[in-house]
Amino acid sequence: MKLYFIVNPAAKNGRCKKVWKRLEKVLHKKHISYEVFFTEKQGDGKRIARQIIESTSETAAIIAVGGDGTVHEVANGVFPFKHGIVGYIPAGTGNDFSRGIRIPNHPRKALEHILLLLKSHCFSAYDIGQFAGPHVQEGMFVNNLGCGFDAQISRKVNRSKLKSLFNRLSLGKFVYVFYLMKELIFYQPAKVVLQIDGEKHLFERTWLVTISNHPYYGGGMKIAPSAKSDDGLFHIIVVDQISRLKILLLFVTVFWGGHIKMKEVKVFAGKHIHIHTSSLLPLHADGENIGSGSVTVCVQENALSVIAQRQTS
């Protein structure tokens, strides 16, 4: 099987480039044949992955090296082709996909784990979410899709020069805390109608709606503790009618999943979800800005082959 690596050298404020050099030494030492491509701008990961997958009819293992945004792009390039297998070496800030597929968070250990799985042909069928909307860039996600407050924070972080500063200080995750505190003062909750598999739910003062494919987002937050990426269902988390002070408590307890016990947090599960918003609330998919407003999300079961062991619990 041919190995292709798509590396985002800018991930984690340029540290990913150094990570790749160390990984190359391992590949050379093990006499592994591969090709490597480097992204230069947003969208390159998808474009390169699509070029690779369309250039061959043989099974191709395409491994993203970077953050969740990198694997998001690579997966969008591979889907819906069946002869592409997606791998991930975490070298970004959040790295939630590695948690979701139970890949070591250390890049070298992740590479060795991937090579071992490839040798034993150990791949997993992974659910993905397709999304579309009137003000949305269509695509798919592997981790989660968010509407509202969390998408606003993600949008601010991705546009901020502070992100590179925090990464240089090895404090990358704290930039999210900074914008959480800042946006908490100004953000206005909105009315949302949520339709899940045909059943409607009305929420008057919604802070966020998150549709999750596995438990983690935001750099290790356990937003949907019971979600699994291979059960054909999404878990939907809604935070409604909550005070600004209690939002802070929520974003503390979310790291171990304690937030789901709060009365302001509602948990649903379903396959076909439509979010109708009263205003153009921001949206993100895997932390990437995808537009604003109403959106429809559908689960595609076993749609992506991933280099990972199948979940058993």
Protein backbone atom coordinates (compact mmCIF):
# COMPACT_ATOMS: atom_id res chain seq x y z
CA MET A 1 0.00 0.00 0.00
CA LYS A 2 1.36 3.41 -0.97
CA LEU A 3 1.73 5.90 1.87
CA TYR A 4 1.06 9.58 1.35
CA PHE A 5 1.65 12.23 4.00
CA ILE A 6 -0.03 15.63 3.83
CA VAL A 7 1.80 17.94 6.22
CA ASN A 8 0.64 21.34 7.40
CA PRO A 9 3.98 22.99 8.30
CA ALA A 10 2.16 26.00 9.79
CA ALA A 11 0.30 23.90 12.38
CA LYS A 12 0.99 24.87 15.99
CA ASN A 13 2.74 28.05 14.91
CA GLY A 14 5.18 26.27 12.63
CA ARG A 15 6.24 23.54 15.03
CA CYS A 16 4.71 20.89 12.80
CA LYS A 17 7.58 21.38 10.34
CA LYS A 18 10.06 20.27 13.04
CA VAL A 19 7.75 17.39 13.96
CA TRP A 20 7.77 16.18 10.36
CA LYS A 21 11.58 16.21 10.19
CA ARG A 22 11.69 13.90 13.20
CA LEU A 23 9.04 11.63 11.67
CA GLU A 24 11.02 11.44 8.40
CA LYS A 25 13.99 10.05 10.30
CA VAL A 26 11.80 7.25 11.64
CA LEU A 27 10.45 6.48 8.15
CA HIS A 28 13.96 6.39 6.67
CA LYS A 29 15.25 4.19 9.48
CA LYS A 30 12.43 1.72 8.87
CA HIS A 31 12.92 1.92 5.07
CA ILE A 32 9.30 2.96 4.54
CA SER A 33 8.40 4.14 1.03
CA TYR A 34 6.22 7.25 0.96
CA GLU A 35 5.40 10.55 -0.71
CA VAL A 36 4.98 13.80 1.15
CA PHE A 37 3.07 16.97 0.27
CA PHE A 38 3.03 20.27 2.16
CA THR A 39 0.08 22.61 2.44
CA GLU A 40 0.59 26.33 1.96
CA LYS A 41 -2.88 27.77 2.41
CA GLN A 42 -6.38 26.86 3.54
CA GLY A 43 -7.96 24.26 1.28
CA ASP A 44 -4.70 22.69 0.13
CA GLY A 45 -5.24 19.58 2.26
CA LYS A 46 -8.51 18.80 0.51
CA ARG A 47 -7.13 19.61 -2.93
CA ILE A 48 -4.01 17.45 -2.51
CA ALA A 49 -5.92 14.51 -1.02
CA ARG A 50 -8.41 14.65 -3.90
CA GLN A 51 -5.58 14.72 -6.47
CA ILE A 52 -3.96 11.69 -4.85
CA ILE A 53 -7.15 9.68 -4.66
CA GLU A 54 -8.15 10.49 -8.24
CA SER A 55 -4.70 9.59 -9.61
CA THR A 56 -4.84 5.94 -8.53
CA SER A 57 -7.30 3.08 -8.40
CA GLU A 58 -5.24 1.24 -5.79
CA THR A 59 -5.73 1.56 -2.05
CA ALA A 60 -3.98 4.67 -0.78
CA ALA A 61 -3.23 5.53 2.85
CA ILE A 62 -3.34 9.32 3.17
CA ILE A 63 -2.03 10.52 6.51
CA ALA A 64 -2.66 14.04 7.76
CA VAL A 65 0.10 15.59 9.86
CA GLY A 66 -1.13 18.71 11.63
CA GLY A 67 -4.16 19.76 13.62
CA ASP A 68 -7.86 18.95 13.43
CA GLY A 69 -8.20 21.43 10.58
CA THR A 70 -5.68 19.43 8.54
CA VAL A 71 -7.43 16.09 9.01
CA HIS A 72 -10.76 17.85 8.31
CA GLU A 73 -9.46 18.94 4.91
CA VAL A 74 -7.86 15.58 4.09
CA ALA A 75 -11.04 13.68 4.97
CA ASN A 76 -13.07 16.04 2.79
CA GLY A 77 -10.68 15.27 -0.07
CA VAL A 78 -10.88 11.50 0.37
CA PHE A 79 -14.66 11.21 0.87
CA PRO A 80 -16.61 9.70 -0.90
CA PHE A 81 -13.92 7.56 -2.56
CA LYS A 82 -13.71 4.07 -1.08
CA HIS A 83 -10.07 3.28 -1.89
CA GLY A 84 -8.69 6.02 0.35
CA ILE A 85 -7.77 5.33 3.98
CA VAL A 86 -7.26 8.30 6.30
CA GLY A 87 -4.62 8.39 9.00
CA TYR A 88 -3.73 11.12 11.47
CA ILE A 89 -0.58 12.17 13.27
CA PRO A 90 -1.48 14.89 15.80
CA ALA A 91 0.76 17.94 15.50
CA GLY A 92 -1.66 20.81 16.11
CA THR A 93 -3.24 22.57 19.07
CA GLY A 94 -6.43 20.61 19.77
CA ASN A 95 -5.83 17.15 18.25
CA ASP A 96 -9.30 15.91 19.12
CA PHE A 97 -9.45 13.48 16.20
CA SER A 98 -6.56 11.49 17.71
CA ARG A 99 -8.54 11.19 20.95
CA GLY A 100 -11.63 10.14 19.02
CA ILE A 101 -9.85 7.31 17.19
CA ARG A 102 -7.57 6.45 20.13
CA ILE A 103 -4.29 7.30 18.46
CA PRO A 104 -1.37 8.34 20.73
CA ASN A 105 -1.11 12.11 21.08
CA HIS A 106 2.70 12.03 20.72
CA PRO A 107 3.58 12.31 16.99
CA ARG A 108 6.34 9.67 16.93
CA LYS A 109 4.25 7.20 18.94
CA ALA A 110 1.31 7.94 16.65
CA LEU A 111 3.43 7.16 13.57
CA GLU A 112 4.69 3.89 15.04
CA HIS A 113 1.12 2.96 16.01
CA ILE A 114 -0.12 3.73 12.48
CA LEU A 115 2.66 1.68 10.86
CA LEU A 116 1.80 -1.26 13.11
CA LEU A 117 -1.90 -1.00 12.20
CA LEU A 118 -1.05 -0.77 8.49
CA LYS A 119 1.14 -3.86 8.74
CA SER A 120 -1.77 -5.84 10.22
CA HIS A 121 -4.31 -4.20 7.86
CA CYS A 122 -6.22 -2.87 10.85
CA PHE A 123 -8.68 -0.29 9.56
CA SER A 124 -12.00 0.97 10.92
CA ALA A 125 -15.18 2.13 9.22
CA TYR A 126 -15.87 5.61 10.54
CA ASP A 127 -19.09 7.62 10.49
CA ILE A 128 -18.96 11.16 9.13
CA GLY A 129 -21.43 14.04 9.02
CA GLN A 130 -22.47 15.79 5.83
CA PHE A 131 -23.79 19.33 6.14
CA ALA A 132 -25.43 21.94 3.94
CA GLY A 133 -27.36 25.18 4.35
CA PRO A 134 -28.34 28.42 2.58
CA HIS A 135 -25.34 30.32 4.01
CA VAL A 136 -23.05 27.33 4.51
CA GLN A 137 -20.10 25.96 2.59
CA GLU A 138 -21.13 22.32 2.02
CA GLY A 139 -18.87 19.55 3.27
CA MET A 140 -18.37 16.90 5.90
CA PHE A 141 -16.93 16.69 9.41
CA VAL A 142 -15.17 13.97 11.36
CA ASN A 143 -15.28 15.38 14.91
CA ASN A 144 -18.21 17.72 15.41
CA LEU A 145 -20.26 20.60 14.09
CA GLY A 146 -21.09 23.53 16.33
CA CYS A 147 -23.56 26.39 16.17
CA GLY A 148 -23.47 29.48 18.37
CA PHE A 149 -21.13 30.41 21.19
CA ASP A 150 -18.44 27.76 20.60
CA ALA A 151 -18.38 28.56 16.87
CA GLN A 152 -17.98 32.24 17.73
CA ILE A 153 -14.99 31.45 19.96
CA SER A 154 -13.47 29.21 17.28
CA ARG A 155 -13.91 31.92 14.64
CA LYS A 156 -12.26 34.54 16.84
CA VAL A 157 -9.36 32.24 17.71
CA ASN A 158 -8.65 31.30 14.08
CA ARG A 159 -8.55 34.96 13.08
CA SER A 160 -6.47 36.09 16.03
CA LYS A 161 -2.77 36.91 16.07
CA LEU A 162 -2.77 35.86 19.72
CA LYS A 163 -3.01 32.20 18.69
CA SER A 164 0.56 32.20 17.34
CA LEU A 165 1.78 34.03 20.44
CA PHE A 166 0.18 31.51 22.80
CA ASN A 167 1.55 28.62 20.70
CA ARG A 168 5.09 30.03 20.90
CA LEU A 169 4.72 30.03 24.68
CA SER A 170 3.40 26.43 24.59
CA LEU A 171 0.08 27.76 25.88
CA GLY A 172 -1.96 27.18 22.74
CA LYS A 173 -5.08 25.96 24.52
CA PHE A 174 -5.26 29.08 26.68
CA VAL A 175 -6.10 31.26 23.70
CA TYR A 176 -9.53 29.56 23.76
CA VAL A 177 -9.90 30.50 27.43
CA PHE A 178 -9.02 34.11 26.61
CA TYR A 179 -11.71 34.37 23.95
CA LEU A 180 -14.18 32.44 26.07
CA MET A 181 -13.93 35.14 28.72
CA LYS A 182 -14.07 37.93 26.17
CA GLU A 183 -17.05 36.62 24.18
CA LEU A 184 -18.90 35.68 27.36
CA ILE A 185 -19.47 39.39 28.02
CA PHE A 186 -20.90 40.29 24.61
CA TYR A 187 -22.45 37.13 23.14
CA GLN A 188 -26.24 37.12 22.81
CA PRO A 189 -28.08 33.76 22.98
CA ALA A 190 -30.74 33.21 20.32
CA LYS A 191 -33.89 31.27 19.53
CA VAL A 192 -33.25 27.91 17.87
CA VAL A 193 -35.58 25.27 16.46
CA LEU A 194 -33.89 21.89 16.47
CA GLN A 195 -35.34 19.04 14.41
CA ILE A 196 -33.97 15.55 15.09
CA ASP A 197 -35.23 12.68 12.95
CA GLY A 198 -38.49 14.58 12.36
CA GLU A 199 -39.11 15.62 15.98
CA LYS A 200 -39.00 19.35 16.72
CA HIS A 201 -37.60 21.02 19.85
CA LEU A 202 -37.81 24.76 20.56
CA PHE A 203 -35.17 26.59 22.59
CA GLU A 204 -35.66 30.28 23.40
CA ARG A 205 -32.21 31.37 24.63
CA THR A 206 -29.68 28.98 23.13
CA TRP A 207 -25.99 29.45 23.70
CA LEU A 208 -24.77 26.55 21.62
CA VAL A 209 -25.74 23.41 19.74
CA THR A 210 -22.99 20.85 19.16
CA ILE A 211 -23.43 17.75 16.98
CA SER A 212 -20.78 15.22 17.97
CA ASN A 213 -19.36 12.15 16.28
CA HIS A 214 -17.19 11.23 19.28
CA PRO A 215 -16.76 12.62 22.81
CA TYR A 216 -14.09 15.28 22.31
CA TYR A 217 -13.77 18.84 21.07
CA GLY A 218 -11.95 22.07 21.90
CA GLY A 219 -8.69 20.37 22.84
CA GLY A 220 -9.90 17.56 25.08
CA MET A 221 -13.28 18.80 26.30
CA LYS A 222 -15.59 15.80 26.73
CA ILE A 223 -18.60 17.52 25.20
CA ALA A 224 -20.50 14.31 24.35
CA PRO A 225 -19.24 11.59 26.73
CA SER A 226 -21.28 8.73 25.23
CA ALA A 227 -20.78 9.52 21.54
CA LYS A 228 -19.16 6.89 19.30
CA SER A 229 -17.86 7.32 15.78
CA ASP A 230 -19.05 3.92 14.53
CA ASP A 231 -22.62 3.56 15.85
CA GLY A 232 -24.50 5.43 13.12
CA LEU A 233 -25.69 8.15 15.51
CA PHE A 234 -24.72 11.68 16.43
CA HIS A 235 -25.06 13.03 19.95
CA ILE A 236 -26.49 16.54 20.08
CA ILE A 237 -25.72 18.82 23.01
CA VAL A 238 -27.86 21.93 23.56
CA VAL A 239 -27.08 24.62 26.15
CA ASP A 240 -30.14 26.81 26.76
CA GLN A 241 -31.44 29.26 29.37
CA ILE A 242 -28.15 29.46 31.25
CA SER A 243 -26.58 32.41 33.05
CA ARG A 244 -23.25 33.86 31.99
CA LEU A 245 -21.72 32.90 35.32
CA LYS A 246 -22.87 29.31 34.99
CA ILE A 247 -21.38 29.11 31.48
CA LEU A 248 -17.98 29.33 33.18
CA LEU A 249 -18.86 26.36 35.37
CA LEU A 250 -19.98 24.45 32.29
CA PHE A 251 -16.66 25.00 30.54
CA VAL A 252 -14.85 23.64 33.60
CA THR A 253 -16.97 20.51 34.09
CA VAL A 254 -17.00 19.74 30.35
CA PHE A 255 -13.45 18.39 30.58
CA TRP A 256 -14.75 15.28 32.39
CA GLY A 257 -18.32 15.32 31.04
CA GLY A 258 -19.89 16.65 34.23
CA HIS A 259 -21.81 19.34 32.34
CA ILE A 260 -24.44 16.88 31.12
CA LYS A 261 -25.84 16.75 34.66
CA MET A 262 -26.72 20.45 34.51
CA LYS A 263 -30.41 21.21 33.95
CA GLU A 264 -29.54 23.76 31.25
CA VAL A 265 -27.85 21.06 29.15
CA LYS A 266 -30.00 18.83 26.95
CA VAL A 267 -28.67 15.70 25.26
CA PHE A 268 -30.22 14.04 22.18
CA ALA A 269 -29.18 11.41 19.65
CA GLY A 270 -30.14 11.10 16.01
CA LYS A 271 -29.20 10.61 12.38
CA HIS A 272 -30.78 13.58 10.61
CA ILE A 273 -30.56 16.98 12.28
CA HIS A 274 -31.74 20.39 11.16
CA ILE A 275 -30.82 23.56 13.08
CA HIS A 276 -33.01 26.55 12.27
CA THR A 277 -31.76 29.80 13.81
CA SER A 278 -33.53 33.12 14.29
CA SER A 279 -30.35 34.94 13.30
CA LEU A 280 -27.17 34.16 11.39
CA LEU A 281 -25.37 32.36 14.21
CA PRO A 282 -21.80 31.31 13.41
CA LEU A 283 -21.09 27.68 12.47
CA HIS A 284 -17.96 25.56 12.61
CA ALA A 285 -17.05 22.04 11.49
CA ASP A 286 -14.02 20.50 13.22
CA GLY A 287 -13.14 24.01 14.37
CA GLU A 288 -13.19 25.45 10.83
CA ASN A 289 -15.56 28.27 9.88
CA ILE A 290 -18.23 26.98 7.45
CA GLY A 291 -20.69 29.88 7.43
CA SER A 292 -23.69 31.03 9.44
CA GLY A 293 -27.36 30.38 10.10
CA SER A 294 -29.51 27.32 9.53
CA VAL A 295 -27.86 24.02 8.65
CA THR A 296 -28.87 20.42 7.93
CA VAL A 297 -26.63 17.55 9.05
CA CYS A 298 -26.92 13.88 8.06
CA VAL A 299 -24.88 10.97 9.32
CA GLN A 300 -23.16 8.82 6.70
CA GLU A 301 -22.53 5.47 8.33
CA ASN A 302 -19.22 3.66 7.75
CA ALA A 303 -18.39 6.26 5.11
CA LEU A 304 -14.68 6.72 5.80
CA SER A 305 -11.92 4.16 6.29
CA VAL A 306 -9.57 5.21 9.09
CA ILE A 307 -6.27 3.76 10.28
CA ALA A 308 -7.44 2.89 13.76
CA GLN A 309 -8.69 -0.01 15.84
CA ARG A 310 -12.46 -0.46 15.89
CA GLN A 311 -14.12 0.86 19.04
CA THR A 312 -15.39 -1.83 21.38
CA SER A 313 -16.65 0.29 24.29
